[in-house]
Amino acid sequence: MKPNLSFVLLITLFTAFIVGSSGIVAADANSTSMLQNLDIVDFIIFCASILAAALGVISFIAYRRDGRARFLLVTAAFSIFALKGVFLIAGDMVIVEQIFLDVIANLLDFAVLICFFLAFMMK
């Protein structure tokens, strides 16, 4: 049985996440590491954004092959989720009020849920 390209991509991203997160945890334990200024939460958000972007690309490819609008909604949901992660990481780098970041992140989460809801409710 030939492995599916999307399955291989997901396994690769998952492996990179596990290996990378273990390196960050080790860096937190060792204060002399160059990665000590990198926050573990930002790293997890970054990995989730990469995974969401990859899933968005895969769902867009599925939309191009199949033509169903529900795949386009799923693509939008994954893209919004990836955008949220980039926004949160950029918000940590720039001085922005935490309340503003929370409101925008929650609105983007709501948009993701609406896209998934519409995708599931379409016939």
N, C-alpha and C. Protein backbone atom coordinates (compact mmCIF):
# COMPACT_ATOMS: atom_id res chain seq x y z
N MET A 1 0.83 -1.17 0.00
CA MET A 1 0.00 0.00 0.00
C MET A 1 0.89 1.25 0.00
N LYS A 2 0.66 2.14 -0.93
CA LYS A 2 1.44 3.35 -1.06
C LYS A 2 0.96 4.40 -0.05
N PRO A 3 1.88 5.02 0.74
CA PRO A 3 1.44 6.02 1.71
C PRO A 3 0.95 7.29 1.03
N ASN A 4 -0.07 7.87 1.61
CA ASN A 4 -0.66 9.10 1.11
C ASN A 4 0.27 10.27 1.45
N LEU A 5 0.40 11.23 0.53
CA LEU A 5 1.29 12.37 0.73
C LEU A 5 0.87 13.21 1.94
N SER A 6 -0.42 13.42 2.11
CA SER A 6 -0.89 14.22 3.25
C SER A 6 -0.60 13.51 4.57
N PHE A 7 -0.71 12.18 4.59
CA PHE A 7 -0.40 11.43 5.81
C PHE A 7 1.08 11.56 6.14
N VAL A 8 1.93 11.47 5.16
CA VAL A 8 3.37 11.61 5.38
C VAL A 8 3.69 13.01 5.87
N LEU A 9 3.03 14.04 5.31
CA LEU A 9 3.25 15.41 5.75
C LEU A 9 2.83 15.60 7.20
N LEU A 10 1.70 15.04 7.58
CA LEU A 10 1.23 15.16 8.96
C LEU A 10 2.17 14.46 9.94
N ILE A 11 2.63 13.29 9.58
CA ILE A 11 3.57 12.57 10.45
C ILE A 11 4.88 13.34 10.58
N THR A 12 5.34 13.92 9.48
CA THR A 12 6.58 14.70 9.52
C THR A 12 6.42 15.92 10.42
N LEU A 13 5.32 16.64 10.29
CA LEU A 13 5.09 17.82 11.12
C LEU A 13 4.95 17.45 12.59
N PHE A 14 4.26 16.34 12.86
CA PHE A 14 4.12 15.88 14.24
C PHE A 14 5.47 15.52 14.84
N THR A 15 6.30 14.83 14.08
CA THR A 15 7.64 14.46 14.55
C THR A 15 8.48 15.69 14.80
N ALA A 16 8.41 16.67 13.90
CA ALA A 16 9.16 17.91 14.09
C ALA A 16 8.70 18.64 15.35
N PHE A 17 7.39 18.61 15.60
CA PHE A 17 6.86 19.25 16.80
C PHE A 17 7.39 18.57 18.06
N ILE A 18 7.38 17.25 18.10
CA ILE A 18 7.84 16.51 19.28
C ILE A 18 9.33 16.75 19.51
N VAL A 19 10.12 16.65 18.45
CA VAL A 19 11.56 16.84 18.58
C VAL A 19 11.87 18.28 18.99
N GLY A 20 11.20 19.24 18.36
CA GLY A 20 11.44 20.64 18.69
C GLY A 20 11.01 21.01 20.09
N SER A 21 9.88 20.48 20.53
CA SER A 21 9.42 20.81 21.88
C SER A 21 10.31 20.18 22.93
N SER A 22 10.84 19.01 22.66
CA SER A 22 11.76 18.41 23.64
C SER A 22 13.04 19.23 23.74
N GLY A 23 13.47 19.82 22.61
CA GLY A 23 14.65 20.68 22.64
C GLY A 23 14.40 21.95 23.42
N ILE A 24 13.21 22.50 23.33
CA ILE A 24 12.88 23.71 24.08
C ILE A 24 12.80 23.41 25.57
N VAL A 25 12.21 22.28 25.93
CA VAL A 25 12.14 21.90 27.34
C VAL A 25 13.54 21.71 27.90
N ALA A 26 14.40 21.08 27.12
CA ALA A 26 15.78 20.91 27.56
C ALA A 26 16.48 22.26 27.68
N ALA A 27 16.16 23.19 26.79
CA ALA A 27 16.75 24.52 26.85
C ALA A 27 16.29 25.26 28.09
N ASP A 28 15.03 25.05 28.52
CA ASP A 28 14.56 25.68 29.75
C ASP A 28 15.29 25.13 30.96
N ALA A 29 15.63 23.86 30.92
CA ALA A 29 16.35 23.25 32.04
C ALA A 29 17.79 23.72 32.09
N ASN A 30 18.38 24.02 30.93
CA ASN A 30 19.76 24.45 30.85
C ASN A 30 19.79 25.93 30.53
N SER A 31 20.14 26.76 31.50
CA SER A 31 20.06 28.21 31.32
C SER A 31 21.17 28.75 30.43
N THR A 32 22.18 27.95 30.08
CA THR A 32 23.26 28.44 29.24
C THR A 32 22.96 28.24 27.75
N SER A 33 21.81 27.68 27.42
CA SER A 33 21.46 27.44 26.03
C SER A 33 21.10 28.73 25.32
N MET A 34 21.27 28.74 24.00
CA MET A 34 20.90 29.91 23.20
C MET A 34 19.40 30.08 23.11
N LEU A 35 18.63 29.03 23.37
CA LEU A 35 17.18 29.09 23.23
C LEU A 35 16.47 29.52 24.50
N GLN A 36 17.21 30.00 25.49
CA GLN A 36 16.57 30.30 26.77
C GLN A 36 15.58 31.46 26.68
N ASN A 37 15.72 32.33 25.69
CA ASN A 37 14.79 33.46 25.57
C ASN A 37 13.51 33.08 24.82
N LEU A 38 13.49 31.92 24.21
CA LEU A 38 12.31 31.49 23.47
C LEU A 38 11.32 30.86 24.43
N ASP A 39 10.11 31.38 24.43
CA ASP A 39 9.07 30.90 25.33
C ASP A 39 8.45 29.62 24.77
N ILE A 40 8.22 28.63 25.62
CA ILE A 40 7.65 27.35 25.18
C ILE A 40 6.25 27.54 24.61
N VAL A 41 5.49 28.45 25.17
CA VAL A 41 4.13 28.70 24.67
C VAL A 41 4.18 29.25 23.25
N ASP A 42 5.09 30.17 22.99
CA ASP A 42 5.24 30.71 21.64
C ASP A 42 5.65 29.62 20.66
N PHE A 43 6.51 28.72 21.10
CA PHE A 43 6.94 27.62 20.24
C PHE A 43 5.77 26.69 19.91
N ILE A 44 4.94 26.40 20.89
CA ILE A 44 3.78 25.54 20.65
C ILE A 44 2.80 26.23 19.71
N ILE A 45 2.58 27.51 19.91
CA ILE A 45 1.69 28.27 19.02
C ILE A 45 2.26 28.29 17.61
N PHE A 46 3.57 28.45 17.48
CA PHE A 46 4.21 28.43 16.17
C PHE A 46 4.03 27.09 15.48
N CYS A 47 4.24 26.00 16.20
CA CYS A 47 4.06 24.66 15.62
C CYS A 47 2.60 24.41 15.23
N ALA A 48 1.67 24.86 16.05
CA ALA A 48 0.25 24.71 15.73
C ALA A 48 -0.10 25.52 14.49
N SER A 49 0.49 26.69 14.34
CA SER A 49 0.24 27.51 13.16
C SER A 49 0.79 26.86 11.90
N ILE A 50 1.95 26.26 12.01
CA ILE A 50 2.54 25.55 10.86
C ILE A 50 1.64 24.37 10.48
N LEU A 51 1.19 23.62 11.47
CA LEU A 51 0.32 22.49 11.20
C LEU A 51 -1.01 22.95 10.59
N ALA A 52 -1.57 24.03 11.11
CA ALA A 52 -2.82 24.56 10.56
C ALA A 52 -2.63 25.03 9.12
N ALA A 53 -1.50 25.67 8.84
CA ALA A 53 -1.23 26.10 7.47
C ALA A 53 -1.09 24.90 6.54
N ALA A 54 -0.42 23.86 7.00
CA ALA A 54 -0.27 22.64 6.19
C ALA A 54 -1.63 21.99 5.94
N LEU A 55 -2.46 21.92 6.97
CA LEU A 55 -3.80 21.36 6.79
C LEU A 55 -4.66 22.23 5.88
N GLY A 56 -4.44 23.53 5.93
CA GLY A 56 -5.14 24.43 5.02
C GLY A 56 -4.75 24.18 3.57
N VAL A 57 -3.47 23.95 3.34
CA VAL A 57 -3.02 23.64 1.98
C VAL A 57 -3.59 22.31 1.52
N ILE A 58 -3.57 21.32 2.39
CA ILE A 58 -4.12 20.00 2.03
C ILE A 58 -5.61 20.09 1.73
N SER A 59 -6.35 20.84 2.54
CA SER A 59 -7.78 20.96 2.29
C SER A 59 -8.06 21.78 1.02
N PHE A 60 -7.19 22.74 0.70
CA PHE A 60 -7.35 23.48 -0.55
C PHE A 60 -7.09 22.57 -1.75
N ILE A 61 -6.11 21.70 -1.64
CA ILE A 61 -5.86 20.73 -2.71
C ILE A 61 -7.08 19.81 -2.87
N ALA A 62 -7.67 19.43 -1.74
CA ALA A 62 -8.89 18.61 -1.81
C ALA A 62 -10.03 19.38 -2.48
N TYR A 63 -10.13 20.67 -2.20
CA TYR A 63 -11.15 21.50 -2.85
C TYR A 63 -10.91 21.58 -4.36
N ARG A 64 -9.66 21.75 -4.76
CA ARG A 64 -9.35 21.84 -6.19
C ARG A 64 -9.66 20.54 -6.92
N ARG A 65 -9.45 19.41 -6.24
CA ARG A 65 -9.72 18.12 -6.86
C ARG A 65 -11.21 17.80 -6.91
N ASP A 66 -11.91 18.12 -5.82
CA ASP A 66 -13.30 17.70 -5.68
C ASP A 66 -14.28 18.79 -6.07
N GLY A 67 -13.97 20.04 -5.74
CA GLY A 67 -14.83 21.15 -6.09
C GLY A 67 -15.96 21.44 -5.11
N ARG A 68 -16.01 20.70 -3.99
CA ARG A 68 -17.08 20.96 -3.01
C ARG A 68 -16.73 22.17 -2.15
N ALA A 69 -17.75 22.98 -1.91
CA ALA A 69 -17.56 24.22 -1.15
C ALA A 69 -17.19 23.96 0.30
N ARG A 70 -17.55 22.82 0.84
CA ARG A 70 -17.21 22.55 2.24
C ARG A 70 -15.70 22.47 2.44
N PHE A 71 -14.97 22.00 1.43
CA PHE A 71 -13.51 21.98 1.54
C PHE A 71 -12.95 23.40 1.57
N LEU A 72 -13.61 24.30 0.87
CA LEU A 72 -13.17 25.69 0.88
C LEU A 72 -13.40 26.32 2.26
N LEU A 73 -14.50 25.96 2.92
CA LEU A 73 -14.74 26.44 4.28
C LEU A 73 -13.73 25.86 5.26
N VAL A 74 -13.38 24.61 5.09
CA VAL A 74 -12.37 24.00 5.96
C VAL A 74 -11.01 24.67 5.72
N THR A 75 -10.72 24.98 4.46
CA THR A 75 -9.48 25.71 4.15
C THR A 75 -9.47 27.06 4.85
N ALA A 76 -10.59 27.76 4.82
CA ALA A 76 -10.69 29.06 5.49
C ALA A 76 -10.49 28.91 7.00
N ALA A 77 -11.07 27.87 7.58
CA ALA A 77 -10.94 27.66 9.02
C ALA A 77 -9.48 27.43 9.41
N PHE A 78 -8.79 26.56 8.68
CA PHE A 78 -7.38 26.30 9.00
C PHE A 78 -6.52 27.53 8.75
N SER A 79 -6.84 28.30 7.73
CA SER A 79 -6.07 29.51 7.45
C SER A 79 -6.27 30.56 8.54
N ILE A 80 -7.49 30.70 9.01
CA ILE A 80 -7.75 31.65 10.11
C ILE A 80 -7.03 31.20 11.37
N PHE A 81 -7.02 29.89 11.62
CA PHE A 81 -6.32 29.39 12.80
C PHE A 81 -4.82 29.66 12.71
N ALA A 82 -4.24 29.47 11.52
CA ALA A 82 -2.82 29.76 11.33
C ALA A 82 -2.55 31.25 11.50
N LEU A 83 -3.45 32.08 10.98
CA LEU A 83 -3.32 33.53 11.12
C LEU A 83 -3.38 33.94 12.59
N LYS A 84 -4.24 33.29 13.35
CA LYS A 84 -4.35 33.59 14.79
C LYS A 84 -3.03 33.33 15.50
N GLY A 85 -2.39 32.22 15.16
CA GLY A 85 -1.10 31.90 15.78
C GLY A 85 -0.04 32.92 15.45
N VAL A 86 0.01 33.33 14.20
CA VAL A 86 0.98 34.36 13.79
C VAL A 86 0.68 35.66 14.52
N PHE A 87 -0.59 36.00 14.65
CA PHE A 87 -0.98 37.21 15.35
C PHE A 87 -0.57 37.17 16.82
N LEU A 88 -0.78 36.03 17.47
CA LEU A 88 -0.41 35.91 18.89
C LEU A 88 1.09 36.02 19.10
N ILE A 89 1.85 35.38 18.24
CA ILE A 89 3.31 35.45 18.38
C ILE A 89 3.80 36.87 18.10
N ALA A 90 3.25 37.50 17.07
CA ALA A 90 3.64 38.88 16.77
C ALA A 90 3.20 39.82 17.89
N GLY A 91 2.06 39.54 18.51
CA GLY A 91 1.60 40.36 19.62
C GLY A 91 2.49 40.27 20.83
N ASP A 92 3.14 39.10 21.01
CA ASP A 92 4.09 38.96 22.12
C ASP A 92 5.38 39.72 21.86
N MET A 93 5.72 39.88 20.58
CA MET A 93 6.97 40.57 20.24
C MET A 93 6.82 42.08 20.30
N VAL A 94 5.61 42.57 20.08
CA VAL A 94 5.34 44.00 20.10
C VAL A 94 4.55 44.29 21.37
N ILE A 95 4.67 45.49 21.86
CA ILE A 95 3.94 45.83 23.08
C ILE A 95 2.49 46.14 22.71
N VAL A 96 1.61 45.19 23.05
CA VAL A 96 0.18 45.33 22.79
C VAL A 96 -0.53 44.93 24.08
N GLU A 97 -1.63 45.58 24.36
CA GLU A 97 -2.38 45.23 25.57
C GLU A 97 -2.90 43.80 25.47
N GLN A 98 -2.81 43.08 26.58
CA GLN A 98 -3.23 41.68 26.61
C GLN A 98 -4.72 41.54 26.34
N ILE A 99 -5.51 42.49 26.78
CA ILE A 99 -6.96 42.43 26.56
C ILE A 99 -7.26 42.48 25.06
N PHE A 100 -6.55 43.33 24.33
CA PHE A 100 -6.73 43.43 22.88
C PHE A 100 -6.37 42.10 22.21
N LEU A 101 -5.26 41.48 22.62
CA LEU A 101 -4.86 40.19 22.05
C LEU A 101 -5.91 39.12 22.34
N ASP A 102 -6.43 39.10 23.56
CA ASP A 102 -7.43 38.10 23.93
C ASP A 102 -8.71 38.26 23.13
N VAL A 103 -9.14 39.50 22.94
CA VAL A 103 -10.37 39.74 22.17
C VAL A 103 -10.19 39.29 20.73
N ILE A 104 -9.10 39.66 20.10
CA ILE A 104 -8.85 39.27 18.71
C ILE A 104 -8.71 37.76 18.60
N ALA A 105 -7.99 37.13 19.53
CA ALA A 105 -7.82 35.67 19.48
C ALA A 105 -9.15 34.95 19.64
N ASN A 106 -10.00 35.44 20.53
CA ASN A 106 -11.31 34.82 20.71
C ASN A 106 -12.22 35.03 19.51
N LEU A 107 -12.14 36.19 18.88
CA LEU A 107 -12.92 36.42 17.67
C LEU A 107 -12.46 35.51 16.53
N LEU A 108 -11.17 35.31 16.42
CA LEU A 108 -10.65 34.41 15.39
C LEU A 108 -11.04 32.96 15.68
N ASP A 109 -11.02 32.57 16.95
CA ASP A 109 -11.50 31.22 17.31
C ASP A 109 -12.96 31.05 16.93
N PHE A 110 -13.75 32.08 17.18
CA PHE A 110 -15.16 32.03 16.83
C PHE A 110 -15.35 31.89 15.32
N ALA A 111 -14.53 32.61 14.55
CA ALA A 111 -14.60 32.52 13.08
C ALA A 111 -14.23 31.11 12.61
N VAL A 112 -13.25 30.50 13.25
CA VAL A 112 -12.86 29.13 12.91
C VAL A 112 -14.03 28.18 13.17
N LEU A 113 -14.66 28.33 14.32
CA LEU A 113 -15.78 27.46 14.66
C LEU A 113 -16.95 27.65 13.70
N ILE A 114 -17.20 28.88 13.30
CA ILE A 114 -18.28 29.13 12.34
C ILE A 114 -17.97 28.47 11.00
N CYS A 115 -16.72 28.57 10.55
CA CYS A 115 -16.35 27.92 9.28
C CYS A 115 -16.52 26.42 9.36
N PHE A 116 -16.10 25.80 10.47
CA PHE A 116 -16.27 24.36 10.61
C PHE A 116 -17.75 23.99 10.70
N PHE A 117 -18.53 24.79 11.42
CA PHE A 117 -19.96 24.53 11.53
C PHE A 117 -20.63 24.57 10.17
N LEU A 118 -20.32 25.61 9.40
CA LEU A 118 -20.92 25.72 8.07
C LEU A 118 -20.48 24.58 7.16
N ALA A 119 -19.23 24.17 7.29
CA ALA A 119 -18.73 23.06 6.47
C ALA A 119 -19.47 21.76 6.80
N PHE A 120 -19.74 21.54 8.08
CA PHE A 120 -20.44 20.31 8.48
C PHE A 120 -21.92 20.36 8.14
N MET A 121 -22.51 21.54 8.11
CA MET A 121 -23.94 21.66 7.86
C MET A 121 -24.29 21.70 6.37
N MET A 122 -23.30 21.90 5.52
CA MET A 122 -23.58 21.94 4.08
C MET A 122 -23.89 20.53 3.56
N LYS A 123 -24.76 20.49 2.58
CA LYS A 123 -25.09 19.19 1.98
C LYS A 123 -24.25 18.94 0.77
